[in-house]
PDB file of N, CA and C in Angstrom:
ATOM      1  N   MET A   1      83.448  61.293  66.272  1.00  0.00           N
ATOM      2  CA  MET A   1      83.070  61.788  67.626  1.00  0.00           C
ATOM      3  C   MET A   1      82.837  61.116  68.540  1.00  0.00           C
ATOM      4  N   LYS A   2      81.891  60.234  67.574  1.00  0.00           N
ATOM      5  CA  LYS A   2      80.996  58.872  68.848  1.00  0.00           C
ATOM      6  C   LYS A   2      82.079  57.799  69.071  1.00  0.00           C
ATOM      7  N   THR A   3      83.191  57.887  68.619  1.00  0.00           N
ATOM      8  CA  THR A   3      84.025  57.283  69.547  1.00  0.00           C
ATOM      9  C   THR A   3      84.630  57.703  70.149  1.00  0.00           C
ATOM     10  N   LYS A   4      84.912  59.235  69.818  1.00  0.00           N
ATOM     11  CA  LYS A   4      85.336  59.683  71.177  1.00  0.00           C
ATOM     12  C   LYS A   4      84.960  59.712  72.543  1.00  0.00           C
ATOM     13  N   MET A   5      83.660  59.801  71.939  1.00  0.00           N
ATOM     14  CA  MET A   5      82.497  59.524  73.963  1.00  0.00           C
ATOM     15  C   MET A   5      82.548  58.068  73.887  1.00  0.00           C
ATOM     16  N   LYS A   6      82.146  57.192  72.783  1.00  0.00           N
ATOM     17  CA  LYS A   6      82.292  55.867  73.785  1.00  0.00           C
ATOM     18  C   LYS A   6      83.372  55.492  74.536  1.00  0.00           C
ATOM     19  N   VAL A   7      84.839  55.917  73.767  1.00  0.00           N
ATOM     20  CA  VAL A   7      86.317  55.496  74.932  1.00  0.00           C
ATOM     21  C   VAL A   7      85.617  56.329  76.171  1.00  0.00           C
ATOM     22  N   LEU A   8      85.778  57.682  75.932  1.00  0.00           N
ATOM     23  CA  LEU A   8      85.862  58.559  77.483  1.00  0.00           C
ATOM     24  C   LEU A   8      84.644  57.859  78.217  1.00  0.00           C
ATOM     25  N   THR A   9      83.789  57.191  77.711  1.00  0.00           N
ATOM     26  CA  THR A   9      82.433  56.752  78.344  1.00  0.00           C
ATOM     27  C   THR A   9      82.769  55.690  79.431  1.00  0.00           C
ATOM     28  N   GLY A  10      83.520  54.903  78.179  1.00  0.00           N
ATOM     29  CA  GLY A  10      84.183  53.708  78.917  1.00  0.00           C
ATOM     30  C   GLY A  10      85.863  53.953  79.775  1.00  0.00           C
ATOM     31  N   ALA A  11      86.060  54.721  79.856  1.00  0.00           N
ATOM     32  CA  ALA A  11      87.642  54.895  80.401  1.00  0.00           C
ATOM     33  C   ALA A  11      86.446  56.165  81.843  1.00  0.00           C
ATOM     34  N   ALA A  12      85.614  56.059  82.209  1.00  0.00           N
ATOM     35  CA  ALA A  12      84.956  56.950  83.481  1.00  0.00           C
ATOM     36  C   ALA A  12      84.486  55.457  84.054  1.00  0.00           C
ATOM     37  N   VAL A  13      83.392  54.286  83.268  1.00  0.00           N
ATOM     38  CA  VAL A  13      83.336  53.156  83.576  1.00  0.00           C
ATOM     39  C   VAL A  13      84.371  52.743  84.289  1.00  0.00           C
ATOM     40  N   ALA A  14      85.617  51.990  84.178  1.00  0.00           N
ATOM     41  CA  ALA A  14      86.763  51.604  84.163  1.00  0.00           C
ATOM     42  C   ALA A  14      87.480  52.102  85.628  1.00  0.00           C
ATOM     43  N   ILE A  15      87.026  53.638  85.516  1.00  0.00           N
ATOM     44  CA  ILE A  15      88.162  54.012  86.914  1.00  0.00           C
ATOM     45  C   ILE A  15      87.124  53.931  88.169  1.00  0.00           C
ATOM     46  N   VAL A  16      86.106  53.670  87.758  1.00  0.00           N
ATOM     47  CA  VAL A  16      84.673  53.759  88.880  1.00  0.00           C
ATOM     48  C   VAL A  16      84.720  52.464  89.346  1.00  0.00           C
ATOM     49  N   LEU A  17      84.683  51.547  88.485  1.00  0.00           N
ATOM     50  CA  LEU A  17      84.836  50.144  88.378  1.00  0.00           C
ATOM     51  C   LEU A  17      86.374  49.626  89.750  1.00  0.00           C
ATOM     52  N   VAL A  18      87.975  49.939  89.209  1.00  0.00           N
ATOM     53  CA  VAL A  18      89.095  49.930  89.701  1.00  0.00           C
ATOM     54  C   VAL A  18      88.790  50.235  90.903  1.00  0.00           C
ATOM     55  N   GLY A  19      87.897  51.663  91.036  1.00  0.00           N
ATOM     56  CA  GLY A  19      87.764  52.236  92.414  1.00  0.00           C
ATOM     57  C   GLY A  19      87.332  51.420  93.192  1.00  0.00           C
ATOM     58  N   GLY A  20      85.793  51.309  92.861  1.00  0.00           N
ATOM     59  CA  GLY A  20      84.798  50.018  93.433  1.00  0.00           C
ATOM     60  C   GLY A  20      85.566  48.793  93.966  1.00  0.00           C
ATOM     61  N   ILE A  21      86.414  48.221  92.944  1.00  0.00           N
ATOM     62  CA  ILE A  21      86.717  46.878  93.248  1.00  0.00           C
ATOM     63  C   ILE A  21      88.156  47.094  94.678  1.00  0.00           C
ATOM     64  N   GLY A  22      88.640  47.562  93.690  1.00  0.00           N
ATOM     65  CA  GLY A  22      90.328  48.263  94.965  1.00  0.00           C
ATOM     66  C   GLY A  22      89.613  48.195  96.379  1.00  0.00           C
ATOM     67  N   GLY A  23      88.505  49.101  96.589  1.00  0.00           N
ATOM     68  CA  GLY A  23      87.934  49.051  98.122  1.00  0.00           C
ATOM     69  C   GLY A  23      87.204  48.147  97.824  1.00  0.00           C
ATOM     70  N   TRP A  24      86.545  46.980  97.548  1.00  0.00           N
ATOM     71  CA  TRP A  24      86.071  45.711  97.510  1.00  0.00           C
ATOM     72  C   TRP A  24      87.216  44.954  98.834  1.00  0.00           C
ATOM     73  N   MET A  25      88.228  45.051  97.472  1.00  0.00           N
ATOM     74  CA  MET A  25      89.039  44.194  98.023  1.00  0.00           C
ATOM     75  C   MET A  25      90.569  44.529  99.121  1.00  0.00           C
ATOM     76  N   GLY A  26      89.817  45.668  99.377  1.00  0.00           N
ATOM     77  CA  GLY A  26      90.491  46.181 101.328  1.00  0.00           C
ATOM     78  C   GLY A  26      91.748  46.393 100.577  1.00  0.00           C
ATOM     79  N   PHE A  27      92.219  47.002  98.844  1.00  0.00           N
ATOM     80  CA  PHE A  27      93.265  48.513  98.878  1.00  0.00           C
ATOM     81  C   PHE A  27      93.556  49.089  99.448  1.00  0.00           C
ATOM     82  N   LYS A  28      94.877  49.235 100.344  1.00  0.00           N
ATOM     83  CA  LYS A  28      94.574  50.237 101.165  1.00  0.00           C
ATOM     84  C   LYS A  28      94.158  52.311 100.148  1.00  0.00           C
ATOM     85  N   ASP A  29      94.862  52.263  99.337  1.00  0.00           N
ATOM     86  CA  ASP A  29      95.168  53.237  99.173  1.00  0.00           C
ATOM     87  C   ASP A  29      93.730  53.841  98.510  1.00  0.00           C
ATOM     88  N   SER A  30      92.791  52.237  97.877  1.00  0.00           N
ATOM     89  CA  SER A  30      91.019  52.713  97.319  1.00  0.00           C
ATOM     90  C   SER A  30      90.552  54.264  98.138  1.00  0.00           C
ATOM     91  N   PRO A  31      89.763  55.292  97.779  1.00  0.00           N
ATOM     92  CA  PRO A  31      89.166  55.568  97.908  1.00  0.00           C
ATOM     93  C   PRO A  31      87.249  54.839  98.695  1.00  0.00           C
ATOM     94  N   MET A  32      87.473  54.087  98.900  1.00  0.00           N
ATOM     95  CA  MET A  32      86.389  52.900  99.121  1.00  0.00           C
ATOM     96  C   MET A  32      86.402  52.340 100.719  1.00  0.00           C
ATOM     97  N   ASN A  33      88.291  52.949 101.178  1.00  0.00           N
ATOM     98  CA  ASN A  33      88.492  51.910 102.168  1.00  0.00           C
ATOM     99  C   ASN A  33      89.419  53.500 103.275  1.00  0.00           C
ATOM    100  N   ILE A  34      88.377  54.366 102.852  1.00  0.00           N
ATOM    101  CA  ILE A  34      88.844  55.575 104.258  1.00  0.00           C
ATOM    102  C   ILE A  34      88.663  55.612 105.589  1.00  0.00           C
ATOM    103  N   PRO A  35      90.089  55.515 106.254  1.00  0.00           N
ATOM    104  CA  PRO A  35      89.815  55.195 108.037  1.00  0.00           C
ATOM    105  C   PRO A  35      89.096  56.011 108.620  1.00  0.00           C
ATOM    106  N   GLU A  36      88.219  56.105 109.662  1.00  0.00           N
ATOM    107  CA  GLU A  36      87.297  56.942 110.272  1.00  0.00           C
ATOM    108  C   GLU A  36      88.529  58.246 111.075  1.00  0.00           C
ATOM    109  N   MET A  37      87.575  59.073 110.942  1.00  0.00           N
ATOM    110  CA  MET A  37      88.582  60.160 111.796  1.00  0.00           C
ATOM    111  C   MET A  37      88.694  60.286 112.782  1.00  0.00           C
ATOM    112  N   GLU A  38      89.933  60.329 113.626  1.00  0.00           N
ATOM    113  CA  GLU A  38      89.530  60.545 115.364  1.00  0.00           C
ATOM    114  C   GLU A  38      88.765  62.236 115.725  1.00  0.00           C
ATOM    115  N   GLU A  39      88.402  62.417 116.840  1.00  0.00           N
ATOM    116  CA  GLU A  39      87.459  63.317 116.754  1.00  0.00           C
ATOM    117  C   GLU A  39      88.778  64.435 117.256  1.00  0.00           C
ATOM    118  N   VAL A  40      89.433  65.448 116.677  1.00  0.00           N
ATOM    119  CA  VAL A  40      90.028  65.916 116.930  1.00  0.00           C
ATOM    120  C   VAL A  40      89.858  67.282 118.146  1.00  0.00           C
ATOM    121  N   GLU A  41      90.949  67.550 118.881  1.00  0.00           N
ATOM    122  CA  GLU A  41      90.634  67.974 119.919  1.00  0.00           C
ATOM    123  C   GLU A  41      90.849  69.715 119.904  1.00  0.00           C
ATOM    124  N   LYS A  42      89.814  70.188 120.869  1.00  0.00           N
ATOM    125  CA  LYS A  42      88.941  71.282 120.635  1.00  0.00           C
ATOM    126  C   LYS A  42      90.337  72.370 120.575  1.00  0.00           C
ATOM    127  N   VAL A  43      90.264  73.336 120.342  1.00  0.00           N
ATOM    128  CA  VAL A  43      91.401  74.557 120.688  1.00  0.00           C
ATOM    129  C   VAL A  43      90.617  75.793 121.128  1.00  0.00           C
ATOM    130  N   ASN A  44      91.256  76.801 121.457  1.00  0.00           N
ATOM    131  CA  ASN A  44      90.355  77.891 122.137  1.00  0.00           C
ATOM    132  C   ASN A  44      91.360  78.946 121.791  1.00  0.00           C
ATOM    133  N   PRO A  45      91.110  79.717 120.988  1.00  0.00           N
ATOM    134  CA  PRO A  45      92.001  80.611 120.412  1.00  0.00           C
ATOM    135  C   PRO A  45      92.031  81.448 121.048  1.00  0.00           C
ATOM    136  N   VAL A  46      93.320  82.268 121.302  1.00  0.00           N
ATOM    137  CA  VAL A  46      93.910  83.673 121.444  1.00  0.00           C
ATOM    138  C   VAL A  46      93.629  84.503 121.242  1.00  0.00           C
ATOM    139  N   GLY A  47      93.368  85.734 121.246  1.00  0.00           N
ATOM    140  CA  GLY A  47      93.073  87.165 120.713  1.00  0.00           C
ATOM    141  C   GLY A  47      92.089  87.473 120.604  1.00  0.00           C
ATOM    142  N   PRO A  48      91.912  88.510 119.817  1.00  0.00           N
ATOM    143  CA  PRO A  48      90.506  89.310 120.235  1.00  0.00           C
ATOM    144  C   PRO A  48      89.860  88.804 118.930  1.00  0.00           C
ATOM    145  N   THR A  49      88.520  88.760 119.043  1.00  0.00           N
ATOM    146  CA  THR A  49      87.276  88.620 117.610  1.00  0.00           C
ATOM    147  C   THR A  49      87.824  89.077 116.891  1.00  0.00           C
ATOM    148  N   PHE A  50      87.028  88.660 115.444  1.00  0.00           N
ATOM    149  CA  PHE A  50      87.871  89.497 114.222  1.00  0.00           C
ATOM    150  C   PHE A  50      86.562  90.732 114.208  1.00  0.00           C
ATOM    151  N   ASN A  51      87.257  91.695 113.647  1.00  0.00           N
ATOM    152  CA  ASN A  51      86.751  93.700 113.962  1.00  0.00           C
ATOM    153  C   ASN A  51      87.787  93.979 112.633  1.00  0.00           C
ATOM    154  N   ALA A  52      86.443  94.617 112.122  1.00  0.00           N
ATOM    155  CA  ALA A  52      86.840  94.555 110.350  1.00  0.00           C
ATOM    156  C   ALA A  52      87.275  96.274 110.626  1.00  0.00           C
ATOM    157  N   ASP A  53      87.218  96.825 111.421  1.00  0.00           N
ATOM    158  CA  ASP A  53      87.662  98.030 112.070  1.00  0.00           C
ATOM    159  C   ASP A  53      89.038  97.712 112.297  1.00  0.00           C
ATOM    160  N   SER A  54      88.902  97.102 113.387  1.00  0.00           N
ATOM    161  CA  SER A  54      90.404  96.995 113.619  1.00  0.00           C
ATOM    162  C   SER A  54      91.683  96.406 112.433  1.00  0.00           C
ATOM    163  N   ALA A  55      90.726  95.282 111.936  1.00  0.00           N
ATOM    164  CA  ALA A  55      91.736  94.437 110.839  1.00  0.00           C
ATOM    165  C   ALA A  55      92.524  95.786 109.662  1.00  0.00           C
ATOM    166  N   TYR A  56      91.791  97.044 109.549  1.00  0.00           N
ATOM    167  CA  TYR A  56      92.047  97.778 108.295  1.00  0.00           C
ATOM    168  C   TYR A  56      92.926  98.489 108.967  1.00  0.00           C
ATOM    169  N   THR A  57      92.705  99.055 110.533  1.00  0.00           N
ATOM    170  CA  THR A  57      93.733  99.903 110.802  1.00  0.00           C
ATOM    171  C   THR A  57      94.919  99.499 111.774  1.00  0.00           C
ATOM    172  N   TYR A  58      95.236  97.775 111.397  1.00  0.00           N
ATOM    173  CA  TYR A  58      96.320  97.143 111.672  1.00  0.00           C
ATOM    174  C   TYR A  58      96.639  96.779 110.354  1.00  0.00           C
ATOM    175  N   CYS A  59      96.414  97.200 109.468  1.00  0.00           N
ATOM    176  CA  CYS A  59      97.015  96.524 107.864  1.00  0.00           C
ATOM    177  C   CYS A  59      97.470  98.490 108.008  1.00  0.00           C
ATOM    178  N   ASP A  60      96.867  99.160 108.259  1.00  0.00           N
ATOM    179  CA  ASP A  60      96.890 100.313 107.852  1.00  0.00           C
ATOM    180  C   ASP A  60      98.370 100.896 108.970  1.00  0.00           C
ATOM    181  N   ALA A  61      98.787 100.328 109.855  1.00  0.00           N
ATOM    182  CA  ALA A  61      99.838 100.208 110.670  1.00  0.00           C
ATOM    183  C   ALA A  61     101.147 100.025 110.092  1.00  0.00           C
ATOM    184  N   GLN A  62     100.990  98.317 109.566  1.00  0.00           N
ATOM    185  CA  GLN A  62     101.980  98.168 109.107  1.00  0.00           C
ATOM    186  C   GLN A  62     102.361  98.736 107.573  1.00  0.00           C
ATOM    187  N   CYS A  63     101.529  99.223 107.184  1.00  0.00           N
ATOM    188  CA  CYS A  63     102.468  99.951 105.768  1.00  0.00           C
ATOM    189  C   CYS A  63     102.400 101.706 105.934  1.00  0.00           C
ATOM    190  N   ALA A  64     102.502 101.938 107.054  1.00  0.00           N
ATOM    191  CA  ALA A  64     102.900 103.206 107.769  1.00  0.00           C
ATOM    192  C   ALA A  64     104.135 102.778 107.973  1.00  0.00           C
ATOM    193  N   PHE A  65     104.999 101.393 107.900  1.00  0.00           N
ATOM    194  CA  PHE A  65     106.769 101.305 108.384  1.00  0.00           C
ATOM    195  C   PHE A  65     107.097 101.648 107.097  1.00  0.00           C
ATOM    196  N   GLY A  66     106.200 101.694 105.558  1.00  0.00           N
ATOM    197  CA  GLY A  66     106.505 101.766 104.123  1.00  0.00           C
ATOM    198  C   GLY A  66     107.660 100.516 103.721  1.00  0.00           C
ATOM    199  N   PRO A  67     108.117 100.391 102.899  1.00  0.00           N
ATOM    200  CA  PRO A  67     108.182  98.790 102.082  1.00  0.00           C
ATOM    201  C   PRO A  67     108.820  98.157 103.212  1.00  0.00           C
ATOM    202  N   ARG A  68     108.416  97.159 103.223  1.00  0.00           N
ATOM    203  CA  ARG A  68     109.056  96.081 104.192  1.00  0.00           C
ATOM    204  C   ARG A  68     110.029  94.732 103.449  1.00  0.00           C
ATOM    205  N   VAL A  69     111.232  95.323 102.840  1.00  0.00           N
ATOM    206  CA  VAL A  69     112.041  94.566 102.334  1.00  0.00           C
ATOM    207  C   VAL A  69     113.000  93.792 103.523  1.00  0.00           C
ATOM    208  N   MET A  70     113.556  92.998 102.610  1.00  0.00           N
ATOM    209  CA  MET A  70     114.023  91.352 103.751  1.00  0.00           C
ATOM    210  C   MET A  70     114.909  92.616 104.278  1.00  0.00           C
ATOM    211  N   ASN A  71     115.554  92.681 106.199  1.00  0.00           N
ATOM    212  CA  ASN A  71     116.235  92.787 106.231  1.00  0.00           C
ATOM    213  C   ASN A  71     116.695  94.482 106.234  1.00  0.00           C
ATOM    214  N   SER A  72     115.734  94.957 106.473  1.00  0.00           N
ATOM    215  CA  SER A  72     115.704  96.342 105.980  1.00  0.00           C
ATOM    216  C   SER A  72     114.987  97.108 106.871  1.00  0.00           C
ATOM    217  N   GLU A  73     115.487  98.686 107.844  1.00  0.00           N
ATOM    218  CA  GLU A  73     114.730  99.021 108.821  1.00  0.00           C
ATOM    219  C   GLU A  73     113.603  98.837 108.994  1.00  0.00           C
ATOM    220  N   ALA A  74     112.562  99.059 107.718  1.00  0.00           N
ATOM    221  CA  ALA A  74     111.437  98.829 107.989  1.00  0.00           C
ATOM    222  C   ALA A  74     110.584  97.324 108.703  1.00  0.00           C
ATOM    223  N   HIS A  75     111.571  96.738 108.024  1.00  0.00           N
ATOM    224  CA  HIS A  75     110.884  94.849 107.624  1.00  0.00           C
ATOM    225  C   HIS A  75     111.241  94.718 109.709  1.00  0.00           C
ATOM    226  N   ALA A  76     112.646  95.258 110.210  1.00  0.00           N
ATOM    227  CA  ALA A  76     112.401  94.499 111.459  1.00  0.00           C
ATOM    228  C   ALA A  76     111.281  95.168 111.765  1.00  0.00           C
ATOM    229  N   GLN A  77     111.189  96.408 111.523  1.00  0.00           N
ATOM    230  CA  GLN A  77     110.075  97.438 113.054  1.00  0.00           C
ATOM    231  C   GLN A  77     108.743  96.798 112.564  1.00  0.00           C
ATOM    232  N   CYS A  78     108.492  96.758 111.631  1.00  0.00           N
ATOM    233  CA  CYS A  78     107.466  95.706 111.408  1.00  0.00           C
ATOM    234  C   CYS A  78     107.185  94.509 112.450  1.00  0.00           C
ATOM    235  N   ALA A  79     108.579  93.867 112.525  1.00  0.00           N
ATOM    236  CA  ALA A  79     108.305  92.443 112.792  1.00  0.00           C
ATOM    237  C   ALA A  79     108.148  92.696 114.048  1.00  0.00           C
ATOM    238  N   ASP A  80     108.957  93.366 114.840  1.00  0.00           N
ATOM    239  CA  ASP A  80     108.498  93.822 116.125  1.00  0.00           C
ATOM    240  C   ASP A  80     107.366  94.233 116.940  1.00  0.00           C
ATOM    241  N   TRP A  81     106.659  95.216 115.674  1.00  0.00           N
ATOM    242  CA  TRP A  81     105.647  95.613 116.497  1.00  0.00           C
ATOM    243  C   TRP A  81     104.294  94.567 115.818  1.00  0.00           C
ATOM    244  N   ILE A  82     104.769  93.494 115.218  1.00  0.00           N
ATOM    245  CA  ILE A  82     103.795  93.053 115.154  1.00  0.00           C
ATOM    246  C   ILE A  82     103.512  91.598 116.710  1.00  0.00           C
ATOM    247  N   VAL A  83     105.029  91.366 116.758  1.00  0.00           N
ATOM    248  CA  VAL A  83     105.596  90.554 117.705  1.00  0.00           C
ATOM    249  C   VAL A  83     105.399  91.235 118.903  1.00  0.00           C
ATOM    250  N   GLU A  84     104.949  92.263 119.320  1.00  0.00           N
ATOM    251  CA  GLU A  84     104.559  93.207 120.502  1.00  0.00           C
ATOM    252  C   GLU A  84     103.053  93.274 120.330  1.00  0.00           C
ATOM    253  N   LYS A  85     102.411  93.191 119.014  1.00  0.00           N
ATOM    254  CA  LYS A  85     100.886  93.299 119.244  1.00  0.00           C
ATOM    255  C   LYS A  85     100.271  91.571 119.471  1.00  0.00           C
ATOM    256  N   PHE A  86     101.243  90.427 119.142  1.00  0.00           N
ATOM    257  CA  PHE A  86     100.595  88.918 119.660  1.00  0.00           C
ATOM    258  C   PHE A  86     101.065  88.761 121.025  1.00  0.00           C
ATOM    259  N   ARG A  87     101.618  89.566 121.441  1.00  0.00           N
ATOM    260  CA  ARG A  87     102.349  89.291 123.169  1.00  0.00           C
ATOM    261  C   ARG A  87     101.009  89.777 124.220  1.00  0.00           C
ATOM    262  N   GLN A  88     100.345  91.223 123.181  1.00  0.00           N
ATOM    263  CA  GLN A  88      99.124  92.176 123.716  1.00  0.00           C
ATOM    264  C   GLN A  88      98.128  91.539 123.808  1.00  0.00           C
ATOM    265  N   TYR A  89      98.194  90.819 123.340  1.00  0.00           N
ATOM    266  CA  TYR A  89      96.754  89.475 123.029  1.00  0.00           C
ATOM    267  C   TYR A  89      96.761  87.931 123.672  1.00  0.00           C
ATOM    268  N   GLY A  90      98.137  88.133 124.281  1.00  0.00           N
ATOM    269  CA  GLY A  90      98.560  86.714 125.627  1.00  0.00           C
ATOM    270  C   GLY A  90      98.622  85.711 124.618  1.00  0.00           C
ATOM    271  N   CYS A  91      99.368  86.354 123.227  1.00  0.00           N
ATOM    272  CA  CYS A  91     100.297  84.657 122.853  1.00  0.00           C
ATOM    273  C   CYS A  91     101.952  84.460 123.428  1.00  0.00           C
ATOM    274  N   SER A  92     101.995  83.678 123.114  1.00  0.00           N
ATOM    275  CA  SER A  92     103.172  82.855 123.037  1.00  0.00           C
ATOM    276  C   SER A  92     104.121  83.194 121.775  1.00  0.00           C
ATOM    277  N   VAL A  93     105.270  83.939 121.695  1.00  0.00           N
ATOM    278  CA  VAL A  93     105.629  84.386 120.662  1.00  0.00           C
ATOM    279  C   VAL A  93     107.406  83.942 120.657  1.00  0.00           C
ATOM    280  N   GLU A  94     107.951  83.142 119.419  1.00  0.00           N
ATOM    281  CA  GLU A  94     109.088  83.229 119.592  1.00  0.00           C
ATOM    282  C   GLU A  94     109.522  83.725 118.285  1.00  0.00           C
ATOM    283  N   SER A  95     111.263  83.885 118.972  1.00  0.00           N
ATOM    284  CA  SER A  95     111.659  84.965 117.717  1.00  0.00           C
ATOM    285  C   SER A  95     112.850  84.555 117.155  1.00  0.00           C
TER     286      SER A  95
END
């Protein structure tokens, strides 16, 4: 049991040292050499704010189409409904 613990401890130390040395030597993939991230462009979401009651109503409406097996009538009707909902909220939809 003590031997296993020594091996595991030694392995953990080796991993830490290799990662540290890799960063110190400037290896590209080292976690110590992570480039600064650029500021992300802020996006203004389109659509309504989340409302639990509306979310439930939308789920209920989708389920009302019945089983939406691929290429079935219920699948096509539900897809059309979803596209129309997105358009109502000002989204651009490609189909």
